[in-house]
Amino acid sequence: MATVRYFVVDVDEAARFYVDRLGFTLKQQFGPAMAILERGDLKLWLAGPGASASRAMPGGGKPIPGGWNRFVIEVENLAELVEALRRKSVPFRNEIVTGPGGKQILCEDPSGNVIELFEPA
């Protein structure tokens, strides 16, 4: 099982997003500091501002959400999923892109973290 940690602004809001919109299961939550979710063989740790992983580094840098790193969720019907997520006001960074390996699109969680939705060719 792979584990990914995402820094989020609001753990409750982010956990609801992943459960309600992307089919994750909430396994454990530690108040507003952290939540552990699962989807298939992926474990997702959501770290809020109160989590120990969110503390400033010795040089002063502070972990924040966003950026371009992401995990990928493979889906069977990308166009159908994208339409359903748009009805739920999920933001997207682009439109569906088709390449030799399949189709992909990037959506964002409430903190601006990227999730790639991918339909294999």
N, C-alpha and C. Protein backbone atom coordinates (compact mmCIF):
# COMPACT_ATOMS: atom_id res chain seq x y z
N MET A 1 0.85 -1.18 0.00
CA MET A 1 0.00 0.00 0.00
C MET A 1 0.89 1.24 0.00
N ALA A 2 0.58 2.17 -0.89
CA ALA A 2 1.31 3.44 -0.95
C ALA A 2 0.65 4.45 -0.02
N THR A 3 1.46 5.30 0.60
CA THR A 3 0.95 6.37 1.45
C THR A 3 1.43 7.71 0.91
N VAL A 4 0.49 8.64 0.79
CA VAL A 4 0.79 10.00 0.33
C VAL A 4 0.32 10.95 1.42
N ARG A 5 1.13 11.99 1.72
CA ARG A 5 0.70 13.02 2.67
C ARG A 5 0.45 14.30 1.89
N TYR A 6 -0.73 14.87 2.10
CA TYR A 6 -1.07 16.17 1.52
C TYR A 6 -1.29 17.15 2.67
N PHE A 7 -0.73 18.35 2.52
CA PHE A 7 -0.98 19.41 3.48
C PHE A 7 -2.25 20.13 3.04
N VAL A 8 -3.15 20.36 4.00
CA VAL A 8 -4.44 20.98 3.69
C VAL A 8 -4.71 22.13 4.65
N VAL A 9 -5.55 23.03 4.22
CA VAL A 9 -5.93 24.17 5.04
C VAL A 9 -6.93 23.77 6.12
N ASP A 10 -7.88 22.88 5.77
CA ASP A 10 -8.95 22.47 6.67
C ASP A 10 -9.14 20.97 6.52
N VAL A 11 -8.79 20.20 7.55
CA VAL A 11 -8.85 18.74 7.49
C VAL A 11 -10.27 18.24 7.29
N ASP A 12 -11.25 18.80 8.00
CA ASP A 12 -12.64 18.35 7.84
C ASP A 12 -13.13 18.55 6.41
N GLU A 13 -12.89 19.73 5.86
CA GLU A 13 -13.33 20.04 4.50
C GLU A 13 -12.64 19.12 3.48
N ALA A 14 -11.34 18.93 3.63
CA ALA A 14 -10.59 18.08 2.70
C ALA A 14 -11.06 16.63 2.80
N ALA A 15 -11.26 16.13 4.01
CA ALA A 15 -11.72 14.74 4.18
C ALA A 15 -13.08 14.54 3.52
N ARG A 16 -14.01 15.49 3.70
CA ARG A 16 -15.33 15.39 3.05
C ARG A 16 -15.18 15.35 1.54
N PHE A 17 -14.28 16.18 0.99
CA PHE A 17 -14.04 16.21 -0.45
C PHE A 17 -13.61 14.82 -0.95
N TYR A 18 -12.62 14.24 -0.32
CA TYR A 18 -12.09 12.96 -0.79
C TYR A 18 -13.11 11.83 -0.62
N VAL A 19 -13.88 11.86 0.45
CA VAL A 19 -14.90 10.83 0.67
C VAL A 19 -16.08 11.02 -0.27
N ASP A 20 -16.65 12.22 -0.31
CA ASP A 20 -17.87 12.47 -1.08
C ASP A 20 -17.66 12.52 -2.58
N ARG A 21 -16.50 13.00 -3.03
CA ARG A 21 -16.32 13.21 -4.47
C ARG A 21 -15.42 12.19 -5.15
N LEU A 22 -14.47 11.61 -4.40
CA LEU A 22 -13.51 10.72 -5.03
C LEU A 22 -13.51 9.29 -4.47
N GLY A 23 -14.48 8.97 -3.62
CA GLY A 23 -14.67 7.59 -3.20
C GLY A 23 -13.70 7.05 -2.16
N PHE A 24 -13.04 7.92 -1.41
CA PHE A 24 -12.16 7.45 -0.33
C PHE A 24 -13.00 7.07 0.88
N THR A 25 -12.41 6.29 1.77
CA THR A 25 -13.03 5.93 3.05
C THR A 25 -12.21 6.57 4.16
N LEU A 26 -12.89 7.26 5.08
CA LEU A 26 -12.22 7.85 6.24
C LEU A 26 -11.94 6.73 7.23
N LYS A 27 -10.65 6.49 7.53
CA LYS A 27 -10.26 5.43 8.45
C LYS A 27 -10.05 5.95 9.87
N GLN A 28 -9.50 7.16 9.99
CA GLN A 28 -9.19 7.71 11.31
C GLN A 28 -9.02 9.21 11.19
N GLN A 29 -9.47 9.93 12.22
CA GLN A 29 -9.26 11.38 12.22
C GLN A 29 -8.81 11.80 13.61
N PHE A 30 -7.83 12.71 13.62
CA PHE A 30 -7.27 13.23 14.86
C PHE A 30 -7.66 14.69 14.96
N GLY A 31 -8.94 14.96 15.21
CA GLY A 31 -9.44 16.32 15.32
C GLY A 31 -9.14 17.12 14.06
N PRO A 32 -8.83 18.41 14.22
CA PRO A 32 -8.55 19.25 13.06
C PRO A 32 -7.12 19.14 12.55
N ALA A 33 -6.29 18.26 13.18
CA ALA A 33 -4.88 18.18 12.82
C ALA A 33 -4.59 17.21 11.68
N MET A 34 -5.30 16.06 11.64
CA MET A 34 -4.94 15.04 10.66
C MET A 34 -6.06 14.05 10.44
N ALA A 35 -6.13 13.52 9.21
CA ALA A 35 -7.07 12.44 8.89
C ALA A 35 -6.35 11.43 8.01
N ILE A 36 -6.75 10.17 8.16
CA ILE A 36 -6.21 9.09 7.33
C ILE A 36 -7.36 8.51 6.53
N LEU A 37 -7.18 8.50 5.20
CA LEU A 37 -8.19 7.99 4.29
C LEU A 37 -7.59 6.90 3.43
N GLU A 38 -8.45 6.04 2.86
CA GLU A 38 -7.99 5.00 1.96
C GLU A 38 -8.89 4.90 0.75
N ARG A 39 -8.26 4.54 -0.37
CA ARG A 39 -8.98 4.22 -1.60
C ARG A 39 -8.16 3.15 -2.31
N GLY A 40 -8.69 1.94 -2.38
CA GLY A 40 -7.92 0.84 -2.95
C GLY A 40 -6.64 0.64 -2.16
N ASP A 41 -5.51 0.62 -2.89
CA ASP A 41 -4.23 0.41 -2.20
C ASP A 41 -3.49 1.72 -1.90
N LEU A 42 -4.23 2.83 -1.87
CA LEU A 42 -3.65 4.13 -1.55
C LEU A 42 -4.14 4.60 -0.19
N LYS A 43 -3.20 4.95 0.67
CA LYS A 43 -3.52 5.56 1.96
C LYS A 43 -3.15 7.03 1.84
N LEU A 44 -4.08 7.92 2.17
CA LEU A 44 -3.88 9.37 2.07
C LEU A 44 -3.93 9.98 3.46
N TRP A 45 -2.84 10.65 3.82
CA TRP A 45 -2.78 11.36 5.10
C TRP A 45 -3.00 12.83 4.82
N LEU A 46 -4.01 13.41 5.43
CA LEU A 46 -4.29 14.84 5.30
C LEU A 46 -3.78 15.53 6.56
N ALA A 47 -2.79 16.40 6.40
CA ALA A 47 -2.18 17.09 7.53
C ALA A 47 -2.62 18.55 7.53
N GLY A 48 -3.30 18.95 8.60
CA GLY A 48 -3.75 20.34 8.75
C GLY A 48 -2.69 21.19 9.42
N PRO A 49 -3.01 22.47 9.62
CA PRO A 49 -2.04 23.40 10.23
C PRO A 49 -1.56 22.96 11.61
N GLY A 50 -2.35 22.17 12.34
CA GLY A 50 -1.96 21.74 13.68
C GLY A 50 -1.16 20.45 13.71
N ALA A 51 -0.93 19.82 12.57
CA ALA A 51 -0.20 18.55 12.54
C ALA A 51 1.30 18.78 12.74
N SER A 52 1.96 17.80 13.33
CA SER A 52 3.40 17.94 13.55
C SER A 52 4.15 18.07 12.23
N ALA A 53 3.66 17.44 11.16
CA ALA A 53 4.31 17.54 9.84
C ALA A 53 4.20 18.93 9.24
N SER A 54 3.32 19.76 9.77
CA SER A 54 3.12 21.12 9.24
C SER A 54 4.02 22.16 9.91
N ARG A 55 4.79 21.73 10.88
CA ARG A 55 5.67 22.68 11.58
C ARG A 55 6.77 23.21 10.65
N ALA A 56 7.20 24.42 10.93
CA ALA A 56 8.27 25.03 10.13
C ALA A 56 9.55 24.22 10.24
N MET A 57 10.30 24.20 9.17
CA MET A 57 11.59 23.53 9.12
C MET A 57 12.65 24.42 9.78
N PRO A 58 13.82 23.86 10.12
CA PRO A 58 14.86 24.66 10.79
C PRO A 58 15.23 25.93 10.03
N GLY A 59 15.18 25.91 8.70
CA GLY A 59 15.51 27.09 7.91
C GLY A 59 14.37 28.08 7.78
N GLY A 60 13.21 27.77 8.39
CA GLY A 60 12.07 28.67 8.37
C GLY A 60 11.01 28.33 7.34
N GLY A 61 11.32 27.45 6.38
CA GLY A 61 10.32 27.05 5.38
C GLY A 61 9.18 26.30 6.03
N LYS A 62 7.97 26.54 5.54
CA LYS A 62 6.78 25.91 6.11
C LYS A 62 6.07 25.10 5.04
N PRO A 63 5.76 23.82 5.31
CA PRO A 63 5.01 23.02 4.34
C PRO A 63 3.64 23.65 4.07
N ILE A 64 3.29 23.75 2.80
CA ILE A 64 2.00 24.33 2.42
C ILE A 64 1.36 23.48 1.33
N PRO A 65 0.03 23.58 1.16
CA PRO A 65 -0.65 22.82 0.12
C PRO A 65 -0.39 23.40 -1.27
N GLY A 66 -0.77 22.62 -2.26
CA GLY A 66 -0.69 23.09 -3.65
C GLY A 66 0.47 22.50 -4.40
N GLY A 67 0.91 23.18 -5.43
CA GLY A 67 2.02 22.69 -6.25
C GLY A 67 1.53 21.82 -7.39
N TRP A 68 2.45 21.03 -7.95
CA TRP A 68 2.12 20.20 -9.11
C TRP A 68 2.29 18.71 -8.85
N ASN A 69 2.95 18.31 -7.76
CA ASN A 69 3.04 16.89 -7.46
C ASN A 69 1.64 16.37 -7.20
N ARG A 70 1.41 15.10 -7.54
CA ARG A 70 0.06 14.57 -7.41
C ARG A 70 0.08 13.06 -7.41
N PHE A 71 -1.02 12.48 -6.96
CA PHE A 71 -1.23 11.06 -7.14
C PHE A 71 -2.28 10.89 -8.24
N VAL A 72 -2.35 9.68 -8.78
CA VAL A 72 -3.22 9.40 -9.91
C VAL A 72 -4.30 8.40 -9.48
N ILE A 73 -5.54 8.70 -9.86
CA ILE A 73 -6.64 7.76 -9.66
C ILE A 73 -7.06 7.27 -11.05
N GLU A 74 -6.96 5.96 -11.27
CA GLU A 74 -7.40 5.39 -12.54
C GLU A 74 -8.91 5.20 -12.51
N VAL A 75 -9.56 5.62 -13.59
CA VAL A 75 -11.02 5.52 -13.69
C VAL A 75 -11.40 4.83 -15.00
N GLU A 76 -12.65 4.38 -15.09
CA GLU A 76 -13.11 3.70 -16.30
C GLU A 76 -13.72 4.64 -17.31
N ASN A 77 -14.43 5.67 -16.87
CA ASN A 77 -15.08 6.59 -17.80
C ASN A 77 -14.78 8.02 -17.35
N LEU A 78 -13.69 8.56 -17.84
CA LEU A 78 -13.22 9.87 -17.39
C LEU A 78 -14.23 10.97 -17.69
N ALA A 79 -14.76 11.01 -18.90
CA ALA A 79 -15.69 12.08 -19.27
C ALA A 79 -16.91 12.11 -18.35
N GLU A 80 -17.43 10.95 -18.02
CA GLU A 80 -18.59 10.87 -17.14
C GLU A 80 -18.25 11.37 -15.73
N LEU A 81 -17.10 10.96 -15.22
CA LEU A 81 -16.67 11.40 -13.89
C LEU A 81 -16.45 12.91 -13.85
N VAL A 82 -15.79 13.45 -14.87
CA VAL A 82 -15.53 14.89 -14.92
C VAL A 82 -16.85 15.67 -14.91
N GLU A 83 -17.80 15.21 -15.68
CA GLU A 83 -19.11 15.89 -15.71
C GLU A 83 -19.76 15.87 -14.33
N ALA A 84 -19.71 14.71 -13.66
CA ALA A 84 -20.30 14.60 -12.32
C ALA A 84 -19.58 15.50 -11.32
N LEU A 85 -18.25 15.57 -11.39
CA LEU A 85 -17.49 16.41 -10.47
C LEU A 85 -17.73 17.89 -10.74
N ARG A 86 -17.88 18.27 -12.00
CA ARG A 86 -18.17 19.67 -12.33
C ARG A 86 -19.52 20.08 -11.74
N ARG A 87 -20.49 19.17 -11.75
CA ARG A 87 -21.80 19.47 -11.14
C ARG A 87 -21.66 19.70 -9.64
N LYS A 88 -20.62 19.14 -9.04
CA LYS A 88 -20.36 19.31 -7.61
C LYS A 88 -19.34 20.42 -7.36
N SER A 89 -19.09 21.25 -8.38
CA SER A 89 -18.21 22.42 -8.29
C SER A 89 -16.75 22.09 -7.99
N VAL A 90 -16.29 20.92 -8.39
CA VAL A 90 -14.87 20.58 -8.24
C VAL A 90 -14.08 21.37 -9.28
N PRO A 91 -13.03 22.10 -8.87
CA PRO A 91 -12.24 22.87 -9.83
C PRO A 91 -11.25 21.99 -10.60
N PHE A 92 -11.04 22.34 -11.86
CA PHE A 92 -10.09 21.65 -12.72
C PHE A 92 -9.05 22.64 -13.20
N ARG A 93 -7.81 22.18 -13.37
CA ARG A 93 -6.73 23.03 -13.87
C ARG A 93 -6.66 23.02 -15.39
N ASN A 94 -7.27 22.02 -16.02
CA ASN A 94 -7.20 21.90 -17.48
C ASN A 94 -8.42 21.16 -17.99
N GLU A 95 -8.43 20.89 -19.28
CA GLU A 95 -9.45 20.05 -19.89
C GLU A 95 -8.85 18.66 -20.08
N ILE A 96 -9.66 17.70 -20.46
CA ILE A 96 -9.17 16.34 -20.69
C ILE A 96 -8.13 16.36 -21.81
N VAL A 97 -6.99 15.73 -21.54
CA VAL A 97 -5.89 15.61 -22.49
C VAL A 97 -5.78 14.14 -22.89
N THR A 98 -5.66 13.88 -24.19
CA THR A 98 -5.52 12.51 -24.68
C THR A 98 -4.10 12.30 -25.18
N GLY A 99 -3.48 11.20 -24.74
CA GLY A 99 -2.13 10.85 -25.17
C GLY A 99 -2.07 9.38 -25.50
N PRO A 100 -0.88 8.88 -25.78
CA PRO A 100 -0.75 7.47 -26.17
C PRO A 100 -1.16 6.49 -25.07
N GLY A 101 -1.03 6.90 -23.81
CA GLY A 101 -1.37 6.00 -22.70
C GLY A 101 -2.81 6.09 -22.24
N GLY A 102 -3.51 7.13 -22.67
CA GLY A 102 -4.90 7.30 -22.24
C GLY A 102 -5.27 8.75 -22.14
N LYS A 103 -6.28 9.04 -21.31
CA LYS A 103 -6.80 10.39 -21.12
C LYS A 103 -6.58 10.80 -19.67
N GLN A 104 -6.34 12.12 -19.47
CA GLN A 104 -6.12 12.60 -18.11
C GLN A 104 -6.65 14.02 -17.96
N ILE A 105 -6.91 14.37 -16.70
CA ILE A 105 -7.30 15.73 -16.34
C ILE A 105 -6.86 15.96 -14.89
N LEU A 106 -6.60 17.21 -14.54
CA LEU A 106 -6.17 17.55 -13.18
C LEU A 106 -7.28 18.30 -12.46
N CYS A 107 -7.70 17.79 -11.30
CA CYS A 107 -8.65 18.52 -10.45
C CYS A 107 -7.94 18.89 -9.16
N GLU A 108 -8.59 19.75 -8.38
CA GLU A 108 -8.00 20.23 -7.12
C GLU A 108 -8.90 19.93 -5.95
N ASP A 109 -8.27 19.63 -4.81
CA ASP A 109 -9.03 19.51 -3.57
C ASP A 109 -9.26 20.92 -3.01
N PRO A 110 -10.00 21.07 -1.91
CA PRO A 110 -10.29 22.41 -1.39
C PRO A 110 -9.06 23.24 -1.01
N SER A 111 -7.90 22.60 -0.82
CA SER A 111 -6.68 23.34 -0.46
C SER A 111 -5.79 23.62 -1.67
N GLY A 112 -6.20 23.19 -2.86
CA GLY A 112 -5.41 23.43 -4.07
C GLY A 112 -4.43 22.31 -4.41
N ASN A 113 -4.50 21.17 -3.69
CA ASN A 113 -3.67 20.02 -4.03
C ASN A 113 -4.24 19.36 -5.28
N VAL A 114 -3.35 18.86 -6.13
CA VAL A 114 -3.76 18.30 -7.42
C VAL A 114 -3.97 16.80 -7.34
N ILE A 115 -5.03 16.34 -8.02
CA ILE A 115 -5.31 14.92 -8.19
C ILE A 115 -5.44 14.71 -9.69
N GLU A 116 -4.70 13.75 -10.23
CA GLU A 116 -4.83 13.41 -11.65
C GLU A 116 -5.83 12.28 -11.78
N LEU A 117 -6.84 12.50 -12.61
CA LEU A 117 -7.81 11.45 -12.93
C LEU A 117 -7.40 10.91 -14.29
N PHE A 118 -7.24 9.59 -14.41
CA PHE A 118 -6.65 8.99 -15.60
C PHE A 118 -7.46 7.80 -16.08
N GLU A 119 -7.78 7.81 -17.37
CA GLU A 119 -8.45 6.67 -18.00
C GLU A 119 -7.47 6.03 -18.97
N PRO A 120 -7.00 4.79 -18.67
CA PRO A 120 -6.04 4.14 -19.55
C PRO A 120 -6.62 3.90 -20.94
N ALA A 121 -5.73 3.88 -21.94
CA ALA A 121 -6.17 3.63 -23.33
C ALA A 121 -6.66 2.19 -23.46
